[in-house]
């Protein structure tokens, strides 16, 4: 299953299986098997191999945040006073439930985070009371997402 430099080799059948499951992870295996023309046991075996290769990183239910009152998505570039502040800042960011993603980046910012808040007032509170109070954070730059126009995974 694995080939040079950690790439995983997948064939056409693997791709078909993955496409079905990426569209709907709850699609019954037997339905996929009928559509592809192989047995359910063969699909289970292929999925186990793909999982053990590390290609599949699990499955999850996706919550629609708007339904529970979270409407403001923002990306915040964080400037640190020095690079060695990064591990401390990340540990503090992990404690803030509104922080969904944290990336160590090149460019002007040291860190880029994705934050989900109920509204702009909530975002302002998270910025002022949580993020900007972290030791090592010198300033932040915030971009509010007005609409997510593309949402997809890598194509297979």
C-alpha atoms as a PDB file:
ATOM      1  CA  UNK A   1       0.000   0.000   0.000  1.00  0.00           C
ATOM      2  CA  UNK A   2       2.832   2.483   0.788  1.00  0.00           C
ATOM      3  CA  UNK A   3       5.347   3.544  -1.803  1.00  0.00           C
ATOM      4  CA  UNK A   4       8.295   5.972  -1.800  1.00  0.00           C
ATOM      5  CA  UNK A   5       8.312   9.123   0.368  1.00  0.00           C
ATOM      6  CA  UNK A   6       5.179   8.253   2.374  1.00  0.00           C
ATOM      7  CA  UNK A   7       2.758   8.336  -0.565  1.00  0.00           C
ATOM      8  CA  UNK A   8      -0.101   5.870  -0.528  1.00  0.00           C
ATOM      9  CA  UNK A   9      -0.929   4.099  -3.766  1.00  0.00           C
ATOM     10  CA  UNK A  10      -4.651   3.784  -4.387  1.00  0.00           C
ATOM     11  CA  UNK A  11      -6.348   2.233  -7.390  1.00  0.00           C
ATOM     12  CA  UNK A  12      -9.571   3.115  -9.201  1.00  0.00           C
ATOM     13  CA  UNK A  13     -11.734   1.009  -6.886  1.00  0.00           C
ATOM     14  CA  UNK A  14     -10.232   2.656  -3.793  1.00  0.00           C
ATOM     15  CA  UNK A  15     -10.964   6.056  -5.350  1.00  0.00           C
ATOM     16  CA  UNK A  16     -14.586   5.119  -6.057  1.00  0.00           C
ATOM     17  CA  UNK A  17     -15.065   3.904  -2.481  1.00  0.00           C
ATOM     18  CA  UNK A  18     -13.495   7.060  -1.069  1.00  0.00           C
ATOM     19  CA  UNK A  19     -15.592   9.346  -3.276  1.00  0.00           C
ATOM     20  CA  UNK A  20     -18.810   7.683  -2.072  1.00  0.00           C
ATOM     21  CA  UNK A  21     -17.760   7.986   1.566  1.00  0.00           C
ATOM     22  CA  UNK A  22     -16.502  11.563   1.211  1.00  0.00           C
ATOM     23  CA  UNK A  23     -19.921  12.502  -0.162  1.00  0.00           C
ATOM     24  CA  UNK A  24     -21.740  10.710   2.685  1.00  0.00           C
ATOM     25  CA  UNK A  25     -19.766   8.835   5.345  1.00  0.00           C
ATOM     26  CA  UNK A  26     -22.970   7.081   6.455  1.00  0.00           C
ATOM     27  CA  UNK A  27     -23.663   5.537   3.053  1.00  0.00           C
ATOM     28  CA  UNK A  28     -24.154   1.787   3.599  1.00  0.00           C
ATOM     29  CA  UNK A  29     -21.168  -0.320   2.556  1.00  0.00           C
ATOM     30  CA  UNK A  30     -23.433  -2.802   0.774  1.00  0.00           C
ATOM     31  CA  UNK A  31     -24.931   0.003  -1.336  1.00  0.00           C
ATOM     32  CA  UNK A  32     -21.420   1.125  -2.306  1.00  0.00           C
ATOM     33  CA  UNK A  33     -20.490  -2.493  -3.057  1.00  0.00           C
ATOM     34  CA  UNK A  34     -23.499  -2.899  -5.372  1.00  0.00           C
ATOM     35  CA  UNK A  35     -22.685   0.359  -7.198  1.00  0.00           C
ATOM     36  CA  UNK A  36     -19.026  -0.584  -7.686  1.00  0.00           C
ATOM     37  CA  UNK A  37     -19.607  -4.270  -8.362  1.00  0.00           C
ATOM     38  CA  UNK A  38     -17.516  -5.850  -5.586  1.00  0.00           C
ATOM     39  CA  UNK A  39     -18.406  -7.509  -2.283  1.00  0.00           C
ATOM     40  CA  UNK A  40     -19.007  -5.664   0.981  1.00  0.00           C
ATOM     41  CA  UNK A  41     -16.185  -7.735   2.529  1.00  0.00           C
ATOM     42  CA  UNK A  42     -13.782  -6.482  -0.158  1.00  0.00           C
ATOM     43  CA  UNK A  43     -14.745  -2.886   0.639  1.00  0.00           C
ATOM     44  CA  UNK A  44     -14.211  -3.450   4.370  1.00  0.00           C
ATOM     45  CA  UNK A  45     -10.782  -4.965   3.637  1.00  0.00           C
ATOM     46  CA  UNK A  46      -9.797  -2.031   1.411  1.00  0.00           C
ATOM     47  CA  UNK A  47     -10.990   0.481   4.022  1.00  0.00           C
ATOM     48  CA  UNK A  48      -8.926  -1.256   6.734  1.00  0.00           C
ATOM     49  CA  UNK A  49      -5.833  -1.033   4.490  1.00  0.00           C
ATOM     50  CA  UNK A  50      -6.490   2.659   3.736  1.00  0.00           C
ATOM     51  CA  UNK A  51      -6.992   3.351   7.437  1.00  0.00           C
ATOM     52  CA  UNK A  52      -3.808   1.570   8.475  1.00  0.00           C
ATOM     53  CA  UNK A  53      -1.879   3.466   5.770  1.00  0.00           C
ATOM     54  CA  UNK A  54      -2.840   6.738   7.452  1.00  0.00           C
ATOM     55  CA  UNK A  55      -4.757   8.051   4.420  1.00  0.00           C
ATOM     56  CA  UNK A  56      -8.065   8.052   6.305  1.00  0.00           C
ATOM     57  CA  UNK A  57      -8.015  10.323   9.327  1.00  0.00           C
ATOM     58  CA  UNK A  58     -11.364   9.178  10.713  1.00  0.00           C
ATOM     59  CA  UNK A  59     -14.946  10.198  10.144  1.00  0.00           C
ATOM     60  CA  UNK A  60     -17.060  12.734  11.967  1.00  0.00           C
ATOM     61  CA  UNK A  61     -20.415  14.404  12.106  1.00  0.00           C
ATOM     62  CA  UNK A  62     -20.356  18.055  11.082  1.00  0.00           C
ATOM     63  CA  UNK A  63     -22.319  20.465  13.247  1.00  0.00           C
ATOM     64  CA  UNK A  64     -23.979  23.438  11.577  1.00  0.00           C
ATOM     65  CA  UNK A  65     -22.811  26.237  13.920  1.00  0.00           C
ATOM     66  CA  UNK A  66     -25.576  28.641  12.849  1.00  0.00           C
ATOM     67  CA  UNK A  67     -28.199  26.290  14.299  1.00  0.00           C
ATOM     68  CA  UNK A  68     -26.637  26.706  17.763  1.00  0.00           C
ATOM     69  CA  UNK A  69     -26.175  30.458  17.427  1.00  0.00           C
ATOM     70  CA  UNK A  70     -22.622  30.867  16.072  1.00  0.00           C
ATOM     71  CA  UNK A  71     -22.682  33.258  13.108  1.00  0.00           C
ATOM     72  CA  UNK A  72     -19.317  35.060  13.060  1.00  0.00           C
ATOM     73  CA  UNK A  73     -16.308  33.295  11.552  1.00  0.00           C
ATOM     74  CA  UNK A  74     -13.030  35.178  11.663  1.00  0.00           C
ATOM     75  CA  UNK A  75      -9.402  34.623  10.797  1.00  0.00           C
ATOM     76  CA  UNK A  76      -6.935  36.313  13.105  1.00  0.00           C
ATOM     77  CA  UNK A  77      -3.291  36.903  12.308  1.00  0.00           C
ATOM     78  CA  UNK A  78      -1.282  37.001  15.534  1.00  0.00           C
ATOM     79  CA  UNK A  79       2.000  38.866  15.812  1.00  0.00           C
ATOM     80  CA  UNK A  80       4.280  37.514  18.549  1.00  0.00           C
ATOM     81  CA  UNK A  81       6.997  39.599  20.177  1.00  0.00           C
ATOM     82  CA  UNK A  82       9.497  36.769  19.613  1.00  0.00           C
ATOM     83  CA  UNK A  83       9.444  33.347  17.959  1.00  0.00           C
ATOM     84  CA  UNK A  84      10.112  31.545  21.234  1.00  0.00           C
ATOM     85  CA  UNK A  85       6.686  32.757  22.448  1.00  0.00           C
ATOM     86  CA  UNK A  86       4.993  30.377  19.992  1.00  0.00           C
ATOM     87  CA  UNK A  87       4.662  27.253  22.197  1.00  0.00           C
ATOM     88  CA  UNK A  88       3.346  29.295  25.130  1.00  0.00           C
ATOM     89  CA  UNK A  89       0.872  31.164  22.921  1.00  0.00           C
ATOM     90  CA  UNK A  90      -0.407  27.945  21.316  1.00  0.00           C
ATOM     91  CA  UNK A  91      -0.971  26.352  24.749  1.00  0.00           C
ATOM     92  CA  UNK A  92      -3.062  29.379  25.727  1.00  0.00           C
ATOM     93  CA  UNK A  93      -4.959  29.391  22.431  1.00  0.00           C
ATOM     94  CA  UNK A  94      -5.859  25.711  22.976  1.00  0.00           C
ATOM     95  CA  UNK A  95      -7.757  26.792  26.108  1.00  0.00           C
ATOM     96  CA  UNK A  96     -10.045  29.145  24.129  1.00  0.00           C
ATOM     97  CA  UNK A  97     -12.997  27.063  22.853  1.00  0.00           C
ATOM     98  CA  UNK A  98     -13.797  29.517  20.056  1.00  0.00           C
ATOM     99  CA  UNK A  99     -10.416  28.828  18.411  1.00  0.00           C
ATOM    100  CA  UNK A 100     -11.067  26.088  15.832  1.00  0.00           C
ATOM    101  CA  UNK A 101      -7.721  26.041  14.013  1.00  0.00           C
ATOM    102  CA  UNK A 102      -4.220  27.306  14.683  1.00  0.00           C
ATOM    103  CA  UNK A 103      -1.489  27.477  12.038  1.00  0.00           C
ATOM    104  CA  UNK A 104       2.200  28.343  12.342  1.00  0.00           C
ATOM    105  CA  UNK A 105       2.736  30.481   9.247  1.00  0.00           C
ATOM    106  CA  UNK A 106       5.264  32.239   7.087  1.00  0.00           C
ATOM    107  CA  UNK A 107       4.793  35.908   6.321  1.00  0.00           C
ATOM    108  CA  UNK A 108       3.938  38.760   8.645  1.00  0.00           C
ATOM    109  CA  UNK A 109       2.080  36.830  11.326  1.00  0.00           C
ATOM    110  CA  UNK A 110       3.577  34.207  13.566  1.00  0.00           C
ATOM    111  CA  UNK A 111       0.251  32.411  13.946  1.00  0.00           C
ATOM    112  CA  UNK A 112      -3.014  32.370  12.000  1.00  0.00           C
ATOM    113  CA  UNK A 113      -6.136  31.160  13.807  1.00  0.00           C
ATOM    114  CA  UNK A 114      -9.705  30.455  12.766  1.00  0.00           C
ATOM    115  CA  UNK A 115     -12.276  31.546  15.337  1.00  0.00           C
ATOM    116  CA  UNK A 116     -16.032  30.953  15.519  1.00  0.00           C
ATOM    117  CA  UNK A 117     -18.152  33.280  17.660  1.00  0.00           C
ATOM    118  CA  UNK A 118     -21.848  33.973  18.194  1.00  0.00           C
ATOM    119  CA  UNK A 119     -21.628  37.538  16.853  1.00  0.00           C
ATOM    120  CA  UNK A 120     -19.246  40.499  16.499  1.00  0.00           C
ATOM    121  CA  UNK A 121     -19.605  41.417  20.164  1.00  0.00           C
ATOM    122  CA  UNK A 122     -18.590  37.909  21.194  1.00  0.00           C
ATOM    123  CA  UNK A 123     -15.639  38.105  18.771  1.00  0.00           C
ATOM    124  CA  UNK A 124     -14.547  41.415  20.300  1.00  0.00           C
ATOM    125  CA  UNK A 125     -14.688  39.843  23.771  1.00  0.00           C
ATOM    126  CA  UNK A 126     -12.611  36.831  22.673  1.00  0.00           C
ATOM    127  CA  UNK A 127     -10.072  39.141  21.035  1.00  0.00           C
ATOM    128  CA  UNK A 128      -9.761  41.625  23.911  1.00  0.00           C
ATOM    129  CA  UNK A 129     -10.162  39.370  26.933  1.00  0.00           C
ATOM    130  CA  UNK A 130      -8.620  36.118  25.718  1.00  0.00           C
ATOM    131  CA  UNK A 131      -6.314  36.344  22.691  1.00  0.00           C
ATOM    132  CA  UNK A 132      -4.717  39.753  23.217  1.00  0.00           C
ATOM    133  CA  UNK A 133      -4.056  38.944  26.886  1.00  0.00           C
ATOM    134  CA  UNK A 134      -1.783  36.016  26.005  1.00  0.00           C
ATOM    135  CA  UNK A 135       1.822  36.638  26.988  1.00  0.00           C
ATOM    136  CA  UNK A 136       3.938  37.238  23.885  1.00  0.00           C
ATOM    137  CA  UNK A 137       1.085  38.499  21.686  1.00  0.00           C
ATOM    138  CA  UNK A 138       2.072  41.982  20.517  1.00  0.00           C
ATOM    139  CA  UNK A 139      -0.928  42.615  18.243  1.00  0.00           C
ATOM    140  CA  UNK A 140      -3.530  40.962  16.072  1.00  0.00           C
ATOM    141  CA  UNK A 141      -5.118  41.502  12.676  1.00  0.00           C
ATOM    142  CA  UNK A 142      -8.683  40.253  12.206  1.00  0.00           C
ATOM    143  CA  UNK A 143     -10.575  39.319   9.057  1.00  0.00           C
ATOM    144  CA  UNK A 144     -14.277  38.478   9.390  1.00  0.00           C
ATOM    145  CA  UNK A 145     -15.601  35.943   6.894  1.00  0.00           C
ATOM    146  CA  UNK A 146     -18.788  37.244   5.284  1.00  0.00           C
ATOM    147  CA  UNK A 147     -19.572  33.928   3.568  1.00  0.00           C
ATOM    148  CA  UNK A 148     -17.787  30.638   2.978  1.00  0.00           C
ATOM    149  CA  UNK A 149     -17.973  30.212  -0.765  1.00  0.00           C
ATOM    150  CA  UNK A 150     -16.030  26.966  -1.172  1.00  0.00           C
ATOM    151  CA  UNK A 151     -15.958  24.041   1.261  1.00  0.00           C
ATOM    152  CA  UNK A 152     -14.335  20.852   0.037  1.00  0.00           C
ATOM    153  CA  UNK A 153     -11.663  18.248   0.582  1.00  0.00           C
ATOM    154  CA  UNK A 154      -8.785  17.402  -1.705  1.00  0.00           C
ATOM    155  CA  UNK A 155     -10.000  15.609  -4.849  1.00  0.00           C
ATOM    156  CA  UNK A 156      -9.255  11.952  -5.310  1.00  0.00           C
END
